[in-house]
Structure formats: structure tokens, C-alpha cells
Amino acid sequence: MGKIGEKTGGRRPGTPNKVTQSIRTLLNTILPPEELEKHWRFYLKHRDIEIRFAAFKLAQLYMFGRPSPVPLAQEDAPQQQVEPQFDLSVIPTRHVPIRPN
């Protein structure tokens, strides 16, 4: 067993995934670049907005890869919503305490 956070198995860095490579080769054989471009143009200009957006997300993933799980810059980090701090003791109330019997 390795230390906590230490990688102990799997592919070495830089080693391509053989299954992904075989699928990519198969798709490049079945869909020549002209045919692939025709399909991209069709779906990116589809009249259904949901199909268009799904095609756009796939195109972004294809062009730029999976988004980084860790923000690359501080301004990319999710902003913490800080609730305003109120001193409730200064708000006058009409509460009349109940006297126990």
C-alpha cells in the first residue's frame, strides 16, 4: 500500500488509453472529416435549442477537453456567498414575556 494520496496503480502519465485510441481510429475511419463537418454543422444549427446546446457542449469538450476540477486562477474559483451580518438585538420588538404561573 502506498501513502495517502500516492498513486499505486493504473497507467503511467502520458500513456494513451488503448480503448479510447481504438474508438477514435474507428470513428475516423467511418466518418471522414467532410462527413463529420456536415454533421457538426447540422447539429450546431439545429432548430431545437436543447439539441443545439448539447452539440455545443460536445464541441467544447472535443476542442478543449474536460474542464479542470481545480480552478486554474483565483478569479475562476467559486465565490463564497457571505450573508450580511445583522445584530438582531437592536431591533425593537413588541414581545411581551409570558409569566409562568
PDB file of N, CA and C in Angstrom:
ATOM      1  N   MET A   1       0.829  -1.185   0.000  1.00  0.00           N
ATOM      2  CA  MET A   1       0.000   0.000   0.000  1.00  0.00           C
ATOM      3  C   MET A   1       0.867   1.238   0.000  1.00  0.00           C
ATOM      4  N   GLY A   2       0.406   2.231  -0.704  1.00  0.00           N
ATOM      5  CA  GLY A   2       1.137   3.491  -0.765  1.00  0.00           C
ATOM      6  C   GLY A   2       0.661   4.452   0.307  1.00  0.00           C
ATOM      7  N   LYS A   3       1.288   5.565   0.343  1.00  0.00           N
ATOM      8  CA  LYS A   3       0.904   6.610   1.286  1.00  0.00           C
ATOM      9  C   LYS A   3      -0.408   7.232   0.827  1.00  0.00           C
ATOM     10  N   ILE A   4      -1.034   7.961   1.707  1.00  0.00           N
ATOM     11  CA  ILE A   4      -2.299   8.613   1.373  1.00  0.00           C
ATOM     12  C   ILE A   4      -2.053   9.623   0.260  1.00  0.00           C
ATOM     13  N   GLY A   5      -2.865   9.538  -0.795  1.00  0.00           N
ATOM     14  CA  GLY A   5      -2.739  10.454  -1.922  1.00  0.00           C
ATOM     15  C   GLY A   5      -1.720  10.013  -2.952  1.00  0.00           C
ATOM     16  N   GLU A   6      -0.998   8.930  -2.680  1.00  0.00           N
ATOM     17  CA  GLU A   6       0.010   8.452  -3.632  1.00  0.00           C
ATOM     18  C   GLU A   6      -0.634   7.454  -4.588  1.00  0.00           C
ATOM     19  N   LYS A   7      -0.380   7.609  -5.858  1.00  0.00           N
ATOM     20  CA  LYS A   7      -0.930   6.719  -6.865  1.00  0.00           C
ATOM     21  C   LYS A   7      -0.157   5.403  -6.844  1.00  0.00           C
ATOM     22  N   THR A   8      -0.885   4.279  -6.773  1.00  0.00           N
ATOM     23  CA  THR A   8      -0.212   2.987  -6.680  1.00  0.00           C
ATOM     24  C   THR A   8      -0.411   2.103  -7.909  1.00  0.00           C
ATOM     25  N   GLY A   9      -1.296   2.475  -8.815  1.00  0.00           N
ATOM     26  CA  GLY A   9      -1.549   1.625  -9.976  1.00  0.00           C
ATOM     27  C   GLY A   9      -2.063   2.428 -11.143  1.00  0.00           C
ATOM     28  N   GLY A  10      -2.463   1.729 -12.189  1.00  0.00           N
ATOM     29  CA  GLY A  10      -3.005   2.401 -13.364  1.00  0.00           C
ATOM     30  C   GLY A  10      -1.937   2.716 -14.397  1.00  0.00           C
ATOM     31  N   ARG A  11      -2.343   3.454 -15.426  1.00  0.00           N
ATOM     32  CA  ARG A  11      -1.406   3.823 -16.485  1.00  0.00           C
ATOM     33  C   ARG A  11      -0.401   4.834 -15.988  1.00  0.00           C
ATOM     34  N   ARG A  12       0.761   4.790 -16.548  1.00  0.00           N
ATOM     35  CA  ARG A  12       1.782   5.797 -16.244  1.00  0.00           C
ATOM     36  C   ARG A  12       1.392   7.105 -16.935  1.00  0.00           C
ATOM     37  N   PRO A  13       1.815   8.259 -16.415  1.00  0.00           N
ATOM     38  CA  PRO A  13       1.498   9.526 -17.070  1.00  0.00           C
ATOM     39  C   PRO A  13       1.998   9.537 -18.516  1.00  0.00           C
ATOM     40  N   GLY A  14       1.131   9.997 -19.418  1.00  0.00           N
ATOM     41  CA  GLY A  14       1.497  10.087 -20.828  1.00  0.00           C
ATOM     42  C   GLY A  14       1.169   8.846 -21.643  1.00  0.00           C
ATOM     43  N   THR A  15       0.783   7.751 -20.978  1.00  0.00           N
ATOM     44  CA  THR A  15       0.426   6.528 -21.690  1.00  0.00           C
ATOM     45  C   THR A  15      -0.990   6.671 -22.228  1.00  0.00           C
ATOM     46  N   PRO A  16      -1.196   6.497 -23.552  1.00  0.00           N
ATOM     47  CA  PRO A  16      -2.544   6.663 -24.103  1.00  0.00           C
ATOM     48  C   PRO A  16      -3.465   5.515 -23.703  1.00  0.00           C
ATOM     49  N   ASN A  17      -4.739   5.799 -23.604  1.00  0.00           N
ATOM     50  CA  ASN A  17      -5.745   4.789 -23.325  1.00  0.00           C
ATOM     51  C   ASN A  17      -5.998   4.018 -24.620  1.00  0.00           C
ATOM     52  N   LYS A  18      -5.756   2.710 -24.618  1.00  0.00           N
ATOM     53  CA  LYS A  18      -5.864   1.908 -25.838  1.00  0.00           C
ATOM     54  C   LYS A  18      -7.297   1.830 -26.349  1.00  0.00           C
ATOM     55  N   VAL A  19      -8.263   1.732 -25.441  1.00  0.00           N
ATOM     56  CA  VAL A  19      -9.663   1.641 -25.862  1.00  0.00           C
ATOM     57  C   VAL A  19     -10.090   2.942 -26.524  1.00  0.00           C
ATOM     58  N   THR A  20      -9.762   4.064 -25.908  1.00  0.00           N
ATOM     59  CA  THR A  20     -10.113   5.365 -26.475  1.00  0.00           C
ATOM     60  C   THR A  20      -9.461   5.542 -27.840  1.00  0.00           C
ATOM     61  N   GLN A  21      -8.208   5.135 -27.960  1.00  0.00           N
ATOM     62  CA  GLN A  21      -7.499   5.254 -29.233  1.00  0.00           C
ATOM     63  C   GLN A  21      -8.158   4.390 -30.302  1.00  0.00           C
ATOM     64  N   SER A  22      -8.584   3.181 -29.948  1.00  0.00           N
ATOM     65  CA  SER A  22      -9.213   2.306 -30.941  1.00  0.00           C
ATOM     66  C   SER A  22     -10.567   2.867 -31.379  1.00  0.00           C
ATOM     67  N   ILE A  23     -11.324   3.429 -30.444  1.00  0.00           N
ATOM     68  CA  ILE A  23     -12.615   4.033 -30.796  1.00  0.00           C
ATOM     69  C   ILE A  23     -12.393   5.241 -31.697  1.00  0.00           C
ATOM     70  N   ARG A  24     -11.400   6.062 -31.372  1.00  0.00           N
ATOM     71  CA  ARG A  24     -11.093   7.235 -32.193  1.00  0.00           C
ATOM     72  C   ARG A  24     -10.711   6.809 -33.616  1.00  0.00           C
ATOM     73  N   THR A  25      -9.890   5.761 -33.732  1.00  0.00           N
ATOM     74  CA  THR A  25      -9.492   5.270 -35.053  1.00  0.00           C
ATOM     75  C   THR A  25     -10.700   4.764 -35.831  1.00  0.00           C
ATOM     76  N   LEU A  26     -11.573   4.023 -35.153  1.00  0.00           N
ATOM     77  CA  LEU A  26     -12.777   3.504 -35.801  1.00  0.00           C
ATOM     78  C   LEU A  26     -13.669   4.644 -36.290  1.00  0.00           C
ATOM     79  N   LEU A  27     -13.893   5.648 -35.450  1.00  0.00           N
ATOM     80  CA  LEU A  27     -14.741   6.775 -35.853  1.00  0.00           C
ATOM     81  C   LEU A  27     -14.125   7.571 -36.999  1.00  0.00           C
ATOM     82  N   ASN A  28     -12.807   7.732 -36.979  1.00  0.00           N
ATOM     83  CA  ASN A  28     -12.158   8.440 -38.088  1.00  0.00           C
ATOM     84  C   ASN A  28     -12.269   7.657 -39.387  1.00  0.00           C
ATOM     85  N   THR A  29     -12.333   6.331 -39.302  1.00  0.00           N
ATOM     86  CA  THR A  29     -12.499   5.503 -40.498  1.00  0.00           C
ATOM     87  C   THR A  29     -13.934   5.593 -41.015  1.00  0.00           C
ATOM     88  N   ILE A  30     -14.903   5.510 -40.116  1.00  0.00           N
ATOM     89  CA  ILE A  30     -16.314   5.524 -40.507  1.00  0.00           C
ATOM     90  C   ILE A  30     -16.738   6.913 -40.978  1.00  0.00           C
ATOM     91  N   LEU A  31     -16.326   7.956 -40.243  1.00  0.00           N
ATOM     92  CA  LEU A  31     -16.733   9.319 -40.570  1.00  0.00           C
ATOM     93  C   LEU A  31     -15.530  10.106 -41.090  1.00  0.00           C
ATOM     94  N   PRO A  32     -15.419  10.241 -42.398  1.00  0.00           N
ATOM     95  CA  PRO A  32     -14.336  11.076 -42.917  1.00  0.00           C
ATOM     96  C   PRO A  32     -14.558  12.531 -42.489  1.00  0.00           C
ATOM     97  N   PRO A  33     -13.509  13.355 -42.493  1.00  0.00           N
ATOM     98  CA  PRO A  33     -13.635  14.738 -41.997  1.00  0.00           C
ATOM     99  C   PRO A  33     -14.755  15.540 -42.646  1.00  0.00           C
ATOM    100  N   GLU A  34     -15.011  15.346 -43.942  1.00  0.00           N
ATOM    101  CA  GLU A  34     -16.078  16.102 -44.616  1.00  0.00           C
ATOM    102  C   GLU A  34     -17.444  15.717 -44.050  1.00  0.00           C
ATOM    103  N   GLU A  35     -17.650  14.412 -43.815  1.00  0.00           N
ATOM    104  CA  GLU A  35     -18.917  13.929 -43.272  1.00  0.00           C
ATOM    105  C   GLU A  35     -19.093  14.411 -41.826  1.00  0.00           C
ATOM    106  N   LEU A  36     -18.020  14.380 -41.067  1.00  0.00           N
ATOM    107  CA  LEU A  36     -18.064  14.831 -39.682  1.00  0.00           C
ATOM    108  C   LEU A  36     -18.410  16.325 -39.611  1.00  0.00           C
ATOM    109  N   GLU A  37     -17.819  17.114 -40.498  1.00  0.00           N
ATOM    110  CA  GLU A  37     -18.111  18.545 -40.527  1.00  0.00           C
ATOM    111  C   GLU A  37     -19.574  18.792 -40.874  1.00  0.00           C
ATOM    112  N   LYS A  38     -20.105  17.999 -41.796  1.00  0.00           N
ATOM    113  CA  LYS A  38     -21.509  18.131 -42.181  1.00  0.00           C
ATOM    114  C   LYS A  38     -22.422  17.868 -40.983  1.00  0.00           C
ATOM    115  N   HIS A  39     -22.100  16.838 -40.192  1.00  0.00           N
ATOM    116  CA  HIS A  39     -22.905  16.522 -39.008  1.00  0.00           C
ATOM    117  C   HIS A  39     -22.796  17.620 -37.944  1.00  0.00           C
ATOM    118  N   TRP A  40     -21.582  18.119 -37.703  1.00  0.00           N
ATOM    119  CA  TRP A  40     -21.403  19.198 -36.731  1.00  0.00           C
ATOM    120  C   TRP A  40     -22.219  20.416 -37.143  1.00  0.00           C
ATOM    121  N   ARG A  41     -22.147  20.790 -38.406  1.00  0.00           N
ATOM    122  CA  ARG A  41     -22.893  21.969 -38.875  1.00  0.00           C
ATOM    123  C   ARG A  41     -24.399  21.763 -38.694  1.00  0.00           C
ATOM    124  N   PHE A  42     -24.890  20.556 -38.982  1.00  0.00           N
ATOM    125  CA  PHE A  42     -26.316  20.270 -38.843  1.00  0.00           C
ATOM    126  C   PHE A  42     -26.756  20.433 -37.392  1.00  0.00           C
ATOM    127  N   TYR A  43     -26.035  19.800 -36.463  1.00  0.00           N
ATOM    128  CA  TYR A  43     -26.471  19.816 -35.064  1.00  0.00           C
ATOM    129  C   TYR A  43     -26.198  21.152 -34.369  1.00  0.00           C
ATOM    130  N   LEU A  44     -25.148  21.855 -34.772  1.00  0.00           N
ATOM    131  CA  LEU A  44     -24.886  23.155 -34.156  1.00  0.00           C
ATOM    132  C   LEU A  44     -25.866  24.224 -34.636  1.00  0.00           C
ATOM    133  N   LYS A  45     -26.566  23.966 -35.739  1.00  0.00           N
ATOM    134  CA  LYS A  45     -27.566  24.914 -36.256  1.00  0.00           C
ATOM    135  C   LYS A  45     -28.973  24.322 -36.208  1.00  0.00           C
ATOM    136  N   HIS A  46     -29.167  23.295 -35.390  1.00  0.00           N
ATOM    137  CA  HIS A  46     -30.460  22.618 -35.289  1.00  0.00           C
ATOM    138  C   HIS A  46     -31.515  23.582 -34.750  1.00  0.00           C
ATOM    139  N   ARG A  47     -32.779  23.397 -35.154  1.00  0.00           N
ATOM    140  CA  ARG A  47     -33.835  24.318 -34.724  1.00  0.00           C
ATOM    141  C   ARG A  47     -34.218  24.109 -33.256  1.00  0.00           C
ATOM    142  N   ASP A  48     -33.973  22.914 -32.699  1.00  0.00           N
ATOM    143  CA  ASP A  48     -34.256  22.647 -31.289  1.00  0.00           C
ATOM    144  C   ASP A  48     -33.081  23.146 -30.448  1.00  0.00           C
ATOM    145  N   ILE A  49     -33.368  24.088 -29.561  1.00  0.00           N
ATOM    146  CA  ILE A  49     -32.314  24.721 -28.763  1.00  0.00           C
ATOM    147  C   ILE A  49     -31.586  23.719 -27.876  1.00  0.00           C
ATOM    148  N   GLU A  50     -32.282  22.705 -27.363  1.00  0.00           N
ATOM    149  CA  GLU A  50     -31.648  21.711 -26.496  1.00  0.00           C
ATOM    150  C   GLU A  50     -30.628  20.880 -27.270  1.00  0.00           C
ATOM    151  N   ILE A  51     -30.969  20.503 -28.507  1.00  0.00           N
ATOM    152  CA  ILE A  51     -30.034  19.742 -29.338  1.00  0.00           C
ATOM    153  C   ILE A  51     -28.850  20.617 -29.708  1.00  0.00           C
ATOM    154  N   ARG A  52     -29.120  21.882 -30.028  1.00  0.00           N
ATOM    155  CA  ARG A  52     -28.033  22.810 -30.358  1.00  0.00           C
ATOM    156  C   ARG A  52     -27.072  22.971 -29.191  1.00  0.00           C
ATOM    157  N   PHE A  53     -27.634  23.129 -27.974  1.00  0.00           N
ATOM    158  CA  PHE A  53     -26.789  23.324 -26.802  1.00  0.00           C
ATOM    159  C   PHE A  53     -25.997  22.059 -26.473  1.00  0.00           C
ATOM    160  N   ALA A  54     -26.617  20.884 -26.610  1.00  0.00           N
ATOM    161  CA  ALA A  54     -25.899  19.628 -26.371  1.00  0.00           C
ATOM    162  C   ALA A  54     -24.750  19.483 -27.368  1.00  0.00           C
ATOM    163  N   ALA A  55     -24.986  19.844 -28.624  1.00  0.00           N
ATOM    164  CA  ALA A  55     -23.922  19.782 -29.632  1.00  0.00           C
ATOM    165  C   ALA A  55     -22.823  20.782 -29.303  1.00  0.00           C
ATOM    166  N   PHE A  56     -23.195  21.961 -28.811  1.00  0.00           N
ATOM    167  CA  PHE A  56     -22.211  22.963 -28.426  1.00  0.00           C
ATOM    168  C   PHE A  56     -21.328  22.455 -27.281  1.00  0.00           C
ATOM    169  N   LYS A  57     -21.961  21.826 -26.264  1.00  0.00           N
ATOM    170  CA  LYS A  57     -21.189  21.291 -25.143  1.00  0.00           C
ATOM    171  C   LYS A  57     -20.235  20.202 -25.613  1.00  0.00           C
ATOM    172  N   LEU A  58     -20.700  19.338 -26.509  1.00  0.00           N
ATOM    173  CA  LEU A  58     -19.818  18.295 -27.054  1.00  0.00           C
ATOM    174  C   LEU A  58     -18.676  18.903 -27.850  1.00  0.00           C
ATOM    175  N   ALA A  59     -18.968  19.946 -28.615  1.00  0.00           N
ATOM    176  CA  ALA A  59     -17.918  20.598 -29.394  1.00  0.00           C
ATOM    177  C   ALA A  59     -16.874  21.213 -28.468  1.00  0.00           C
ATOM    178  N   GLN A  60     -17.328  21.847 -27.379  1.00  0.00           N
ATOM    179  CA  GLN A  60     -16.391  22.421 -26.417  1.00  0.00           C
ATOM    180  C   GLN A  60     -15.514  21.337 -25.792  1.00  0.00           C
ATOM    181  N   LEU A  61     -16.131  20.213 -25.427  1.00  0.00           N
ATOM    182  CA  LEU A  61     -15.382  19.108 -24.846  1.00  0.00           C
ATOM    183  C   LEU A  61     -14.376  18.553 -25.849  1.00  0.00           C
ATOM    184  N   TYR A  62     -14.797  18.449 -27.101  1.00  0.00           N
ATOM    185  CA  TYR A  62     -13.925  17.921 -28.149  1.00  0.00           C
ATOM    186  C   TYR A  62     -12.753  18.856 -28.418  1.00  0.00           C
ATOM    187  N   MET A  63     -13.023  20.170 -28.429  1.00  0.00           N
ATOM    188  CA  MET A  63     -11.973  21.138 -28.754  1.00  0.00           C
ATOM    189  C   MET A  63     -11.022  21.380 -27.585  1.00  0.00           C
ATOM    190  N   PHE A  64     -11.561  21.485 -26.360  1.00  0.00           N
ATOM    191  CA  PHE A  64     -10.743  21.920 -25.235  1.00  0.00           C
ATOM    192  C   PHE A  64     -10.531  20.859 -24.172  1.00  0.00           C
ATOM    193  N   GLY A  65     -11.163  19.704 -24.282  1.00  0.00           N
ATOM    194  CA  GLY A  65     -11.003  18.657 -23.281  1.00  0.00           C
ATOM    195  C   GLY A  65     -11.893  18.900 -22.078  1.00  0.00           C
ATOM    196  N   ARG A  66     -11.771  18.006 -21.129  1.00  0.00           N
ATOM    197  CA  ARG A  66     -12.569  18.073 -19.914  1.00  0.00           C
ATOM    198  C   ARG A  66     -12.120  19.263 -19.067  1.00  0.00           C
ATOM    199  N   PRO A  67     -13.064  19.991 -18.458  1.00  0.00           N
ATOM    200  CA  PRO A  67     -12.666  21.115 -17.622  1.00  0.00           C
ATOM    201  C   PRO A  67     -11.886  20.639 -16.402  1.00  0.00           C
ATOM    202  N   SER A  68     -10.980  21.465 -15.954  1.00  0.00           N
ATOM    203  CA  SER A  68     -10.153  21.141 -14.798  1.00  0.00           C
ATOM    204  C   SER A  68     -11.013  21.125 -13.538  1.00  0.00           C
ATOM    205  N   PRO A  69     -10.859  20.094 -12.688  1.00  0.00           N
ATOM    206  CA  PRO A  69     -11.649  20.072 -11.455  1.00  0.00           C
ATOM    207  C   PRO A  69     -11.170  21.117 -10.455  1.00  0.00           C
ATOM    208  N   VAL A  70      -9.940  21.598 -10.623  1.00  0.00           N
ATOM    209  CA  VAL A  70      -9.374  22.601  -9.720  1.00  0.00           C
ATOM    210  C   VAL A  70      -9.285  23.921 -10.483  1.00  0.00           C
ATOM    211  N   PRO A  71      -9.745  25.030  -9.903  1.00  0.00           N
ATOM    212  CA  PRO A  71      -9.642  26.316 -10.603  1.00  0.00           C
ATOM    213  C   PRO A  71      -8.189  26.651 -10.918  1.00  0.00           C
ATOM    214  N   LEU A  72      -7.942  27.122 -12.134  1.00  0.00           N
ATOM    215  CA  LEU A  72      -6.590  27.459 -12.546  1.00  0.00           C
ATOM    216  C   LEU A  72      -6.150  28.801 -11.989  1.00  0.00           C
ATOM    217  N   ALA A  73      -7.067  29.700 -11.789  1.00  0.00           N
ATOM    218  CA  ALA A  73      -6.751  31.021 -11.251  1.00  0.00           C
ATOM    219  C   ALA A  73      -7.735  31.333 -10.129  1.00  0.00           C
ATOM    220  N   GLN A  74      -7.348  32.241  -9.266  1.00  0.00           N
ATOM    221  CA  GLN A  74      -8.186  32.575  -8.113  1.00  0.00           C
ATOM    222  C   GLN A  74      -9.544  33.127  -8.544  1.00  0.00           C
ATOM    223  N   GLU A  75      -9.569  33.930  -9.619  1.00  0.00           N
ATOM    224  CA  GLU A  75     -10.853  34.512 -10.040  1.00  0.00           C
ATOM    225  C   GLU A  75     -11.798  33.468 -10.628  1.00  0.00           C
ATOM    226  N   ASP A  76     -11.273  32.272 -10.999  1.00  0.00           N
ATOM    227  CA  ASP A  76     -12.114  31.202 -11.520  1.00  0.00           C
ATOM    228  C   ASP A  76     -12.763  30.389 -10.412  1.00  0.00           C
ATOM    229  N   ALA A  77     -12.291  30.548  -9.185  1.00  0.00           N
ATOM    230  CA  ALA A  77     -12.829  29.785  -8.060  1.00  0.00           C
ATOM    231  C   ALA A  77     -14.253  30.241  -7.771  1.00  0.00           C
ATOM    232  N   PRO A  78     -15.108  29.323  -7.327  1.00  0.00           N
ATOM    233  CA  PRO A  78     -16.469  29.732  -6.996  1.00  0.00           C
ATOM    234  C   PRO A  78     -16.448  30.732  -5.851  1.00  0.00           C
ATOM    235  N   GLN A  79     -17.251  31.753  -5.992  1.00  0.00           N
ATOM    236  CA  GLN A  79     -17.289  32.811  -4.989  1.00  0.00           C
ATOM    237  C   GLN A  79     -18.173  32.367  -3.824  1.00  0.00           C
ATOM    238  N   GLN A  80     -17.687  32.593  -2.616  1.00  0.00           N
ATOM    239  CA  GLN A  80     -18.457  32.270  -1.424  1.00  0.00           C
ATOM    240  C   GLN A  80     -19.467  33.384  -1.183  1.00  0.00           C
ATOM    241  N   GLN A  81     -20.720  33.002  -1.050  1.00  0.00           N
ATOM    242  CA  GLN A  81     -21.749  33.993  -0.760  1.00  0.00           C
ATOM    243  C   GLN A  81     -21.744  34.250   0.741  1.00  0.00           C
ATOM    244  N   VAL A  82     -21.430  35.460   1.115  1.00  0.00           N
ATOM    245  CA  VAL A  82     -21.408  35.828   2.524  1.00  0.00           C
ATOM    246  C   VAL A  82     -22.709  36.544   2.833  1.00  0.00           C
ATOM    247  N   GLU A  83     -23.417  35.990   3.788  1.00  0.00           N
ATOM    248  CA  GLU A  83     -24.683  36.599   4.180  1.00  0.00           C
ATOM    249  C   GLU A  83     -24.393  37.843   5.012  1.00  0.00           C
ATOM    250  N   PRO A  84     -25.213  38.880   4.867  1.00  0.00           N
ATOM    251  CA  PRO A  84     -24.989  40.071   5.689  1.00  0.00           C
ATOM    252  C   PRO A  84     -25.182  39.731   7.170  1.00  0.00           C
ATOM    253  N   GLN A  85     -24.359  40.318   7.988  1.00  0.00           N
ATOM    254  CA  GLN A  85     -24.425  40.073   9.426  1.00  0.00           C
ATOM    255  C   GLN A  85     -25.306  41.152  10.074  1.00  0.00           C
ATOM    256  N   PHE A  86     -26.349  40.719  10.756  1.00  0.00           N
ATOM    257  CA  PHE A  86     -27.264  41.639  11.420  1.00  0.00           C
ATOM    258  C   PHE A  86     -27.198  41.420  12.921  1.00  0.00           C
ATOM    259  N   ASP A  87     -27.254  42.510  13.650  1.00  0.00           N
ATOM    260  CA  ASP A  87     -27.366  42.433  15.107  1.00  0.00           C
ATOM    261  C   ASP A  87     -28.852  42.522  15.430  1.00  0.00           C
ATOM    262  N   LEU A  88     -29.479  41.386  15.681  1.00  0.00           N
ATOM    263  CA  LEU A  88     -30.926  41.340  15.897  1.00  0.00           C
ATOM    264  C   LEU A  88     -31.340  41.936  17.239  1.00  0.00           C
ATOM    265  N   SER A  89     -30.393  42.104  18.150  1.00  0.00           N
ATOM    266  CA  SER A  89     -30.752  42.628  19.469  1.00  0.00           C
ATOM    267  C   SER A  89     -31.149  44.104  19.419  1.00  0.00           C
ATOM    268  N   VAL A  90     -30.761  44.822  18.383  1.00  0.00           N
ATOM    269  CA  VAL A  90     -31.090  46.243  18.308  1.00  0.00           C
ATOM    270  C   VAL A  90     -32.451  46.502  17.662  1.00  0.00           C
ATOM    271  N   ILE A  91     -33.097  45.467  17.160  1.00  0.00           N
ATOM    272  CA  ILE A  91     -34.400  45.631  16.529  1.00  0.00           C
ATOM    273  C   ILE A  91     -35.471  45.629  17.613  1.00  0.00           C
ATOM    274  N   PRO A  92     -36.254  46.711  17.709  1.00  0.00           N
ATOM    275  CA  PRO A  92     -37.298  46.743  18.749  1.00  0.00           C
ATOM    276  C   PRO A  92     -38.400  45.735  18.424  1.00  0.00           C
ATOM    277  N   THR A  93     -38.882  45.074  19.451  1.00  0.00           N
ATOM    278  CA  THR A  93     -39.957  44.100  19.259  1.00  0.00           C
ATOM    279  C   THR A  93     -41.101  44.422  20.198  1.00  0.00           C
ATOM    280  N   ARG A  94     -42.242  43.844  19.937  1.00  0.00           N
ATOM    281  CA  ARG A  94     -43.418  44.037  20.796  1.00  0.00           C
ATOM    282  C   ARG A  94     -43.675  42.776  21.612  1.00  0.00           C
ATOM    283  N   HIS A  95     -42.645  42.027  21.798  1.00  0.00           N
ATOM    284  CA  HIS A  95     -42.793  40.777  22.525  1.00  0.00           C
ATOM    285  C   HIS A  95     -43.017  41.040  24.005  1.00  0.00           C
ATOM    286  N   VAL A  96     -44.055  40.452  24.511  1.00  0.00           N
ATOM    287  CA  VAL A  96     -44.350  40.573  25.939  1.00  0.00           C
ATOM    288  C   VAL A  96     -44.030  39.214  26.548  1.00  0.00           C
ATOM    289  N   PRO A  97     -43.103  39.167  27.492  1.00  0.00           N
ATOM    290  CA  PRO A  97     -42.757  37.876  28.070  1.00  0.00           C
ATOM    291  C   PRO A  97     -43.961  37.238  28.797  1.00  0.00           C
ATOM    292  N   ILE A  98     -44.038  35.969  28.717  1.00  0.00           N
ATOM    293  CA  ILE A  98     -45.109  35.216  29.390  1.00  0.00           C
ATOM    294  C   ILE A  98     -44.629  34.902  30.802  1.00  0.00           C
ATOM    295  N   ARG A  99     -45.493  35.198  31.744  1.00  0.00           N
ATOM    296  CA  ARG A  99     -45.131  34.935  33.134  1.00  0.00           C
ATOM    297  C   ARG A  99     -45.612  33.526  33.503  1.00  0.00           C
ATOM    298  N   PRO A 100     -44.720  32.732  34.030  1.00  0.00           N
ATOM    299  CA  PRO A 100     -45.153  31.388  34.433  1.00  0.00           C
ATOM    300  C   PRO A 100     -46.079  31.459  35.648  1.00  0.00           C
ATOM    301  N   ASN A 101     -47.043  30.569  35.731  1.00  0.00           N
ATOM    302  CA  ASN A 101     -47.996  30.548  36.861  1.00  0.00           C
ATOM    303  C   ASN A 101     -47.394  29.899  38.060  1.00  0.00           C
TER     304      ASN A 101
END
